[in-house]
C-alpha cells in the first residue's frame, strides 16, 4: 500500500493497534472510533504511553445514548451493542473512570452528535502521589 500525506510528520497506520510495532515517539495520538473495539483498553493505553511517549491523545468514541433503542434494549436486558465488534458502549462516566484507571487526565471533553470527543493527557504518577494533580474534568 502506498500512503502519501501532505504533512511529512503525519504517519497513518493500518493494522491491529494492539500488536503494531511503534518504533518512534509521537506528540499526539489520535484514536477515533478505536477504543470501543478493544477488549483490553487499559493495557492498550498503557502500552501506547510507554512506547510513543505522547503529550496527548485525541479520542472519539460513540456514546451509548446516541440512539434511544440501544438504551431501551439495555434496560430490557437484551443485547444492546450497536456493533458486534464493540466491547463497550461508552457513557461519559465510564469514559472518565477508564481514563482515571489508566492515569490520564481529561483536559477537555465534549459530547456532540452521539459521540464523545476528548483530549486526554498522561498524568505524571509523582504528581498524583504528591496530590498536586487536579485530575480529570467532569
C-alpha atoms as a PDB file:
ATOM      1  CA  UNK A   1       0.000   0.000   0.000  1.00  0.00           C
ATOM      2  CA  UNK A   2       1.391   3.399  -0.957  1.00  0.00           C
ATOM      3  CA  UNK A   3       0.373   6.094   1.529  1.00  0.00           C
ATOM      4  CA  UNK A   4       1.229   9.724   0.997  1.00  0.00           C
ATOM      5  CA  UNK A   5       0.251  12.687   3.076  1.00  0.00           C
ATOM      6  CA  UNK A   6       0.602  16.439   2.973  1.00  0.00           C
ATOM      7  CA  UNK A   7       2.421  16.738   6.282  1.00  0.00           C
ATOM      8  CA  UNK A   8       5.528  14.519   6.491  1.00  0.00           C
ATOM      9  CA  UNK A   9       5.251  14.215  10.287  1.00  0.00           C
ATOM     10  CA  UNK A  10       1.809  12.586   9.971  1.00  0.00           C
ATOM     11  CA  UNK A  11       2.154   8.815   9.885  1.00  0.00           C
ATOM     12  CA  UNK A  12      -1.104   6.974   9.200  1.00  0.00           C
ATOM     13  CA  UNK A  13      -1.236   3.416  10.436  1.00  0.00           C
ATOM     14  CA  UNK A  14      -3.191   0.362   9.445  1.00  0.00           C
ATOM     15  CA  UNK A  15      -3.406  -2.891  11.350  1.00  0.00           C
ATOM     16  CA  UNK A  16      -4.057  -4.297  14.785  1.00  0.00           C
ATOM     17  CA  UNK A  17      -3.242  -1.410  17.126  1.00  0.00           C
ATOM     18  CA  UNK A  18      -2.641  -3.831  19.983  1.00  0.00           C
ATOM     19  CA  UNK A  19       0.076  -5.621  18.001  1.00  0.00           C
ATOM     20  CA  UNK A  20       1.528  -2.968  15.680  1.00  0.00           C
ATOM     21  CA  UNK A  21       5.204  -2.076  16.109  1.00  0.00           C
ATOM     22  CA  UNK A  22       5.600   1.540  17.225  1.00  0.00           C
ATOM     23  CA  UNK A  23       9.285   2.390  16.926  1.00  0.00           C
ATOM     24  CA  UNK A  24       9.172   6.154  17.449  1.00  0.00           C
ATOM     25  CA  UNK A  25       7.699   8.926  19.564  1.00  0.00           C
ATOM     26  CA  UNK A  26       4.546  10.842  18.706  1.00  0.00           C
ATOM     27  CA  UNK A  27       3.414  14.120  20.208  1.00  0.00           C
ATOM     28  CA  UNK A  28      -0.254  13.346  19.570  1.00  0.00           C
ATOM     29  CA  UNK A  29      -2.028  10.010  19.173  1.00  0.00           C
ATOM     30  CA  UNK A  30      -5.482  10.084  17.562  1.00  0.00           C
ATOM     31  CA  UNK A  31      -7.874   7.254  18.449  1.00  0.00           C
ATOM     32  CA  UNK A  32     -11.122   7.838  16.581  1.00  0.00           C
ATOM     33  CA  UNK A  33     -13.690   5.039  16.899  1.00  0.00           C
ATOM     34  CA  UNK A  34     -10.996   2.698  18.224  1.00  0.00           C
ATOM     35  CA  UNK A  35     -11.372   2.181  21.978  1.00  0.00           C
ATOM     36  CA  UNK A  36     -14.860   0.659  21.851  1.00  0.00           C
ATOM     37  CA  UNK A  37     -13.404  -2.108  19.647  1.00  0.00           C
ATOM     38  CA  UNK A  38     -10.624  -3.032  22.099  1.00  0.00           C
ATOM     39  CA  UNK A  39     -11.241  -5.506  24.910  1.00  0.00           C
ATOM     40  CA  UNK A  40      -8.121  -4.590  26.895  1.00  0.00           C
ATOM     41  CA  UNK A  41      -8.278  -0.802  26.650  1.00  0.00           C
ATOM     42  CA  UNK A  42      -6.283  -0.101  29.818  1.00  0.00           C
ATOM     43  CA  UNK A  43      -3.424  -2.304  28.596  1.00  0.00           C
ATOM     44  CA  UNK A  44      -3.508  -0.671  25.159  1.00  0.00           C
ATOM     45  CA  UNK A  45      -3.312   2.861  26.565  1.00  0.00           C
ATOM     46  CA  UNK A  46      -0.525   1.835  28.945  1.00  0.00           C
ATOM     47  CA  UNK A  47       1.390   0.296  26.032  1.00  0.00           C
ATOM     48  CA  UNK A  48       0.964   3.367  23.840  1.00  0.00           C
ATOM     49  CA  UNK A  49       2.080   5.638  26.686  1.00  0.00           C
ATOM     50  CA  UNK A  50       5.209   3.527  27.259  1.00  0.00           C
ATOM     51  CA  UNK A  51       6.100   3.103  23.562  1.00  0.00           C
ATOM     52  CA  UNK A  52       5.474   6.509  21.979  1.00  0.00           C
ATOM     53  CA  UNK A  53       5.504   8.935  24.955  1.00  0.00           C
ATOM     54  CA  UNK A  54       2.662  11.122  23.646  1.00  0.00           C
ATOM     55  CA  UNK A  55       1.919  14.531  25.124  1.00  0.00           C
ATOM     56  CA  UNK A  56      -1.766  13.958  24.437  1.00  0.00           C
ATOM     57  CA  UNK A  57      -4.380  11.667  22.967  1.00  0.00           C
ATOM     58  CA  UNK A  58      -7.312  12.911  20.908  1.00  0.00           C
ATOM     59  CA  UNK A  59     -10.090  10.397  21.399  1.00  0.00           C
ATOM     60  CA  UNK A  60     -13.510   9.972  19.820  1.00  0.00           C
ATOM     61  CA  UNK A  61     -15.848   7.229  20.992  1.00  0.00           C
ATOM     62  CA  UNK A  62     -19.549   6.649  20.246  1.00  0.00           C
ATOM     63  CA  UNK A  63     -21.903   7.037  23.195  1.00  0.00           C
ATOM     64  CA  UNK A  64     -24.499   4.519  24.380  1.00  0.00           C
ATOM     65  CA  UNK A  65     -27.240   7.152  24.252  1.00  0.00           C
ATOM     66  CA  UNK A  66     -26.720   8.131  20.601  1.00  0.00           C
ATOM     67  CA  UNK A  67     -29.830   6.088  19.796  1.00  0.00           C
ATOM     68  CA  UNK A  68     -32.720   5.550  22.194  1.00  0.00           C
ATOM     69  CA  UNK A  69     -33.176   1.956  21.017  1.00  0.00           C
ATOM     70  CA  UNK A  70     -29.721   0.957  22.359  1.00  0.00           C
ATOM     71  CA  UNK A  71     -30.614   2.319  25.790  1.00  0.00           C
ATOM     72  CA  UNK A  72     -34.040   0.672  25.694  1.00  0.00           C
ATOM     73  CA  UNK A  73     -32.591  -2.745  24.769  1.00  0.00           C
ATOM     74  CA  UNK A  74     -30.063  -2.362  27.602  1.00  0.00           C
ATOM     75  CA  UNK A  75     -32.864  -1.539  30.044  1.00  0.00           C
ATOM     76  CA  UNK A  76     -34.729  -4.691  28.942  1.00  0.00           C
ATOM     77  CA  UNK A  77     -31.604  -6.822  29.417  1.00  0.00           C
ATOM     78  CA  UNK A  78     -31.322  -7.502  25.682  1.00  0.00           C
ATOM     79  CA  UNK A  79     -28.132  -7.308  23.594  1.00  0.00           C
ATOM     80  CA  UNK A  80     -27.678  -3.589  23.052  1.00  0.00           C
ATOM     81  CA  UNK A  81     -24.297  -3.023  21.395  1.00  0.00           C
ATOM     82  CA  UNK A  82     -24.725  -1.114  18.145  1.00  0.00           C
ATOM     83  CA  UNK A  83     -21.868  -3.047  16.541  1.00  0.00           C
ATOM     84  CA  UNK A  84     -20.956  -6.699  17.148  1.00  0.00           C
ATOM     85  CA  UNK A  85     -17.242  -5.769  17.296  1.00  0.00           C
ATOM     86  CA  UNK A  86     -17.766  -3.439  20.280  1.00  0.00           C
ATOM     87  CA  UNK A  87     -16.617  -4.451  23.751  1.00  0.00           C
ATOM     88  CA  UNK A  88     -18.211  -1.405  25.403  1.00  0.00           C
ATOM     89  CA  UNK A  89     -20.780   1.278  24.735  1.00  0.00           C
ATOM     90  CA  UNK A  90     -19.460   4.372  26.497  1.00  0.00           C
ATOM     91  CA  UNK A  91     -21.153   6.765  28.869  1.00  0.00           C
ATOM     92  CA  UNK A  92     -19.386   9.939  29.952  1.00  0.00           C
ATOM     93  CA  UNK A  93     -18.959   8.482  33.435  1.00  0.00           C
ATOM     94  CA  UNK A  94     -17.367   5.206  32.316  1.00  0.00           C
ATOM     95  CA  UNK A  95     -15.053   7.046  29.897  1.00  0.00           C
ATOM     96  CA  UNK A  96     -13.762   9.321  32.671  1.00  0.00           C
ATOM     97  CA  UNK A  97     -13.388   6.332  35.007  1.00  0.00           C
ATOM     98  CA  UNK A  98     -11.334   4.414  32.418  1.00  0.00           C
ATOM     99  CA  UNK A  99      -9.099   7.433  31.856  1.00  0.00           C
ATOM    100  CA  UNK A 100      -8.512   7.688  35.618  1.00  0.00           C
ATOM    101  CA  UNK A 101      -7.648   3.969  35.756  1.00  0.00           C
ATOM    102  CA  UNK A 102      -5.030   4.481  33.046  1.00  0.00           C
ATOM    103  CA  UNK A 103      -3.588   7.604  34.708  1.00  0.00           C
ATOM    104  CA  UNK A 104      -4.823  10.065  32.109  1.00  0.00           C
ATOM    105  CA  UNK A 105      -6.397  13.428  32.878  1.00  0.00           C
ATOM    106  CA  UNK A 106      -9.274  14.551  30.689  1.00  0.00           C
ATOM    107  CA  UNK A 107      -8.195  18.067  29.726  1.00  0.00           C
ATOM    108  CA  UNK A 108     -11.206  18.728  27.518  1.00  0.00           C
ATOM    109  CA  UNK A 109     -14.323  16.804  26.692  1.00  0.00           C
ATOM    110  CA  UNK A 110     -17.381  17.432  24.568  1.00  0.00           C
ATOM    111  CA  UNK A 111     -20.360  15.273  23.735  1.00  0.00           C
ATOM    112  CA  UNK A 112     -21.773  16.025  20.304  1.00  0.00           C
ATOM    113  CA  UNK A 113     -23.884  14.094  17.778  1.00  0.00           C
ATOM    114  CA  UNK A 114     -23.882  10.940  19.888  1.00  0.00           C
ATOM    115  CA  UNK A 115     -20.109  10.818  20.325  1.00  0.00           C
ATOM    116  CA  UNK A 116     -17.626  11.869  22.972  1.00  0.00           C
ATOM    117  CA  UNK A 117     -14.645  13.931  21.834  1.00  0.00           C
ATOM    118  CA  UNK A 118     -11.844  14.276  24.346  1.00  0.00           C
ATOM    119  CA  UNK A 119      -8.286  15.385  24.767  1.00  0.00           C
ATOM    120  CA  UNK A 120      -6.532  13.362  27.442  1.00  0.00           C
ATOM    121  CA  UNK A 121      -3.029  13.828  28.773  1.00  0.00           C
ATOM    122  CA  UNK A 122      -0.821  11.400  30.671  1.00  0.00           C
ATOM    123  CA  UNK A 123      -0.665  12.143  34.377  1.00  0.00           C
ATOM    124  CA  UNK A 124       2.788  12.008  35.918  1.00  0.00           C
ATOM    125  CA  UNK A 125       2.486   9.467  38.737  1.00  0.00           C
ATOM    126  CA  UNK A 126       4.686  11.626  41.002  1.00  0.00           C
ATOM    127  CA  UNK A 127       2.119  14.459  40.870  1.00  0.00           C
ATOM    128  CA  UNK A 128      -0.646  12.004  41.732  1.00  0.00           C
ATOM    129  CA  UNK A 129       1.282  10.762  44.783  1.00  0.00           C
ATOM    130  CA  UNK A 130       2.087  14.307  45.925  1.00  0.00           C
ATOM    131  CA  UNK A 131      -1.533  15.417  45.489  1.00  0.00           C
ATOM    132  CA  UNK A 132      -0.689  18.238  43.065  1.00  0.00           C
ATOM    133  CA  UNK A 133      -2.636  16.811  40.142  1.00  0.00           C
ATOM    134  CA  UNK A 134      -6.019  18.431  39.626  1.00  0.00           C
ATOM    135  CA  UNK A 135      -7.416  15.321  37.969  1.00  0.00           C
ATOM    136  CA  UNK A 136      -9.848  14.916  35.112  1.00  0.00           C
ATOM    137  CA  UNK A 137     -12.506  17.314  34.050  1.00  0.00           C
ATOM    138  CA  UNK A 138     -16.019  16.018  34.670  1.00  0.00           C
END
